[in-house]
Amino acid sequence: MLLRDVLAVKAGEIFSVAPDALVTEAIGMMVSRNIGSLVVIDEAGRVAGIITERDVLRAAHKHACDLTTLSVKALMTTRLIIAGPEDSVDHARSIMTENRIRHLPVMLGNELLGLLTFHDVAKAVLEQTNFENQLLKKYIKDWPEGTSDATS
């Protein structure tokens, strides 16, 4: 299964925030929408980074700072790990696991096609596995009786 297939099934808006927005505004957006990240889009409409719940928690702990004065650009991750629409779900799962990330932008060149979560990827892997399992069960059920192997 390819990531373009997962994005086609996953309906939903890509939530974003400007780099100059206050962190408290980003937190409010994440809380109100029950999401864990926002894509940061610059004035030119390009992806500038991503801000996640973890970014906010780490900053609060590390700096013991007043989040009401910080801008998103102070906390956002700018070195994004991305995938393309033709990448497989297994590839996405691997890079998310290896890099310990829970949000994966899917991009075609400079165009953001969607944002997948680890949950989206895990669900797609489970669906793919269930589909393959059903095919194998049907294959075994329909196997001609009296034959001992596939070469008969």
Protein backbone atom coordinates (compact mmCIF):
# COMPACT_ATOMS: atom_id res chain seq x y z
CA MET A 1 0.00 0.00 0.00
CA LEU A 2 1.30 3.44 -0.92
CA LEU A 3 1.03 6.63 1.09
CA ARG A 4 -1.09 8.23 -1.64
CA ASP A 5 -3.66 5.48 -0.96
CA VAL A 6 -3.66 6.23 2.76
CA LEU A 7 -4.07 9.96 2.09
CA ALA A 8 -6.98 9.27 -0.28
CA VAL A 9 -8.83 7.41 2.47
CA LYS A 10 -7.84 9.80 5.24
CA ALA A 11 -10.24 12.65 4.91
CA GLY A 12 -9.35 15.79 6.68
CA GLU A 13 -7.88 19.19 6.68
CA ILE A 14 -4.22 19.94 7.23
CA PHE A 15 -4.04 22.25 10.21
CA SER A 16 -1.37 24.90 10.10
CA VAL A 17 0.01 27.88 11.92
CA ALA A 18 2.24 30.81 10.98
CA PRO A 19 5.82 30.98 12.30
CA ASP A 20 5.12 34.29 14.02
CA ALA A 21 2.04 33.01 15.87
CA LEU A 22 2.38 32.68 19.62
CA VAL A 23 2.97 29.21 21.01
CA THR A 24 -0.15 29.62 23.14
CA GLU A 25 -2.17 30.08 19.93
CA ALA A 26 -0.69 26.85 18.53
CA ILE A 27 -1.45 25.03 21.78
CA GLY A 28 -5.03 26.30 21.64
CA MET A 29 -5.44 25.05 18.08
CA MET A 30 -4.03 21.62 18.94
CA VAL A 31 -6.22 21.28 22.03
CA SER A 32 -9.42 22.46 20.35
CA ARG A 33 -8.93 20.07 17.43
CA ASN A 34 -7.56 17.21 19.53
CA ILE A 35 -4.42 16.94 17.40
CA GLY A 36 -0.75 16.62 18.29
CA SER A 37 0.91 18.81 15.69
CA LEU A 38 0.57 21.73 13.34
CA VAL A 39 2.39 22.30 10.08
CA VAL A 40 4.11 25.68 10.08
CA ILE A 41 3.43 27.57 6.84
CA ASP A 42 5.42 30.71 6.03
CA GLU A 43 4.13 33.90 4.36
CA ALA A 44 4.91 32.51 0.91
CA GLY A 45 2.76 29.44 1.59
CA ARG A 46 5.73 27.07 1.95
CA VAL A 47 6.21 24.48 4.67
CA ALA A 48 8.63 26.02 7.16
CA GLY A 49 8.46 23.31 9.80
CA ILE A 50 6.22 21.54 12.26
CA ILE A 51 5.37 22.15 15.90
CA THR A 52 4.27 19.25 18.06
CA GLU A 53 3.11 18.67 21.60
CA ARG A 54 6.56 17.29 22.36
CA ASP A 55 8.24 20.47 21.12
CA VAL A 56 6.12 22.50 23.55
CA LEU A 57 6.69 20.15 26.49
CA ARG A 58 10.44 20.02 25.92
CA ALA A 59 10.67 23.82 25.75
CA ALA A 60 8.60 24.24 28.90
CA HIS A 61 10.81 21.78 30.77
CA LYS A 62 14.18 22.87 29.40
CA HIS A 63 13.72 26.59 29.68
CA ALA A 64 11.09 26.81 32.39
CA CYS A 65 9.84 29.66 30.27
CA ASP A 66 6.72 31.69 29.91
CA LEU A 67 5.09 30.21 26.82
CA THR A 68 2.85 33.25 26.37
CA THR A 69 5.73 35.25 24.91
CA LEU A 70 7.30 32.63 22.62
CA SER A 71 6.60 32.43 18.90
CA VAL A 72 6.10 29.16 17.06
CA LYS A 73 9.33 29.71 15.11
CA ALA A 74 11.29 29.55 18.38
CA LEU A 75 10.14 25.97 19.03
CA MET A 76 9.27 24.46 15.67
CA THR A 77 11.25 21.68 14.06
CA THR A 78 12.67 22.91 10.78
CA ARG A 79 14.61 19.83 9.65
CA LEU A 80 11.62 17.78 8.61
CA ILE A 81 11.65 14.11 7.89
CA ILE A 82 9.25 13.65 5.01
CA ALA A 83 7.86 10.98 2.72
CA GLY A 84 6.51 11.01 -0.82
CA PRO A 85 3.15 9.79 -2.07
CA GLU A 86 4.73 6.83 -3.86
CA ASP A 87 6.50 5.60 -0.70
CA SER A 88 5.10 2.47 0.88
CA VAL A 89 3.36 2.28 4.21
CA ASP A 90 6.15 -0.03 5.39
CA HIS A 91 8.73 2.62 4.47
CA ALA A 92 6.77 5.27 6.40
CA ARG A 93 6.51 2.98 9.42
CA SER A 94 10.25 2.33 9.31
CA ILE A 95 11.30 5.97 9.12
CA MET A 96 8.81 6.99 11.80
CA THR A 97 10.04 4.24 14.12
CA GLU A 98 13.75 4.83 13.44
CA ASN A 99 13.44 8.58 13.96
CA ARG A 100 10.97 8.36 16.84
CA ILE A 101 8.48 10.71 15.19
CA ARG A 102 4.71 10.55 15.31
CA HIS A 103 3.87 12.95 12.48
CA LEU A 104 5.06 12.54 8.89
CA PRO A 105 4.48 15.18 6.21
CA VAL A 106 3.85 13.69 2.78
CA MET A 107 5.20 16.00 0.11
CA LEU A 108 5.52 16.07 -3.65
CA GLY A 109 8.33 18.52 -4.31
CA ASN A 110 7.44 21.60 -2.28
CA GLU A 111 3.73 20.76 -2.13
CA LEU A 112 2.34 19.40 1.13
CA LEU A 113 -0.12 16.62 0.26
CA GLY A 114 -0.98 15.60 3.79
CA LEU A 115 0.22 14.81 7.27
CA LEU A 116 0.17 11.22 8.48
CA THR A 117 0.27 10.20 12.10
CA PHE A 118 1.75 7.00 13.43
CA HIS A 119 -1.85 5.93 14.09
CA ASP A 120 -2.71 6.41 10.38
CA VAL A 121 0.27 4.30 9.35
CA ALA A 122 -0.43 1.57 11.92
CA LYS A 123 -4.07 1.40 10.81
CA ALA A 124 -3.02 1.06 7.14
CA VAL A 125 -0.54 -1.72 8.00
CA LEU A 126 -3.24 -3.56 9.96
CA GLU A 127 -5.74 -3.25 7.11
CA GLN A 128 -3.16 -4.47 4.61
CA THR A 129 -2.28 -7.43 6.84
CA ASN A 130 -5.94 -8.33 7.33
CA PHE A 131 -6.53 -8.18 3.56
CA GLU A 132 -3.55 -10.45 2.88
CA ASN A 133 -4.71 -12.81 5.63
CA GLN A 134 -8.17 -13.10 4.02
CA LEU A 135 -6.58 -13.85 0.63
CA LEU A 136 -4.43 -16.60 2.15
CA LYS A 137 -7.44 -18.13 3.92
CA LYS A 138 -9.41 -18.14 0.68
CA TYR A 139 -6.46 -19.65 -1.18
CA ILE A 140 -6.16 -22.44 1.41
CA LYS A 141 -9.92 -23.03 1.49
CA ASP A 142 -10.11 -23.28 -2.31
CA TRP A 143 -7.06 -25.57 -2.58
CA PRO A 144 -8.03 -28.73 -4.48
CA GLU A 145 -8.36 -31.74 -2.21
CA GLY A 146 -5.95 -34.61 -2.73
CA THR A 147 -3.00 -32.41 -3.66
CA SER A 148 -0.06 -32.19 -1.34
CA ASP A 149 1.65 -29.01 -2.52
CA ALA A 150 1.44 -26.10 -4.94
CA THR A 151 3.56 -27.88 -7.59
CA SER A 152 1.07 -30.70 -8.13
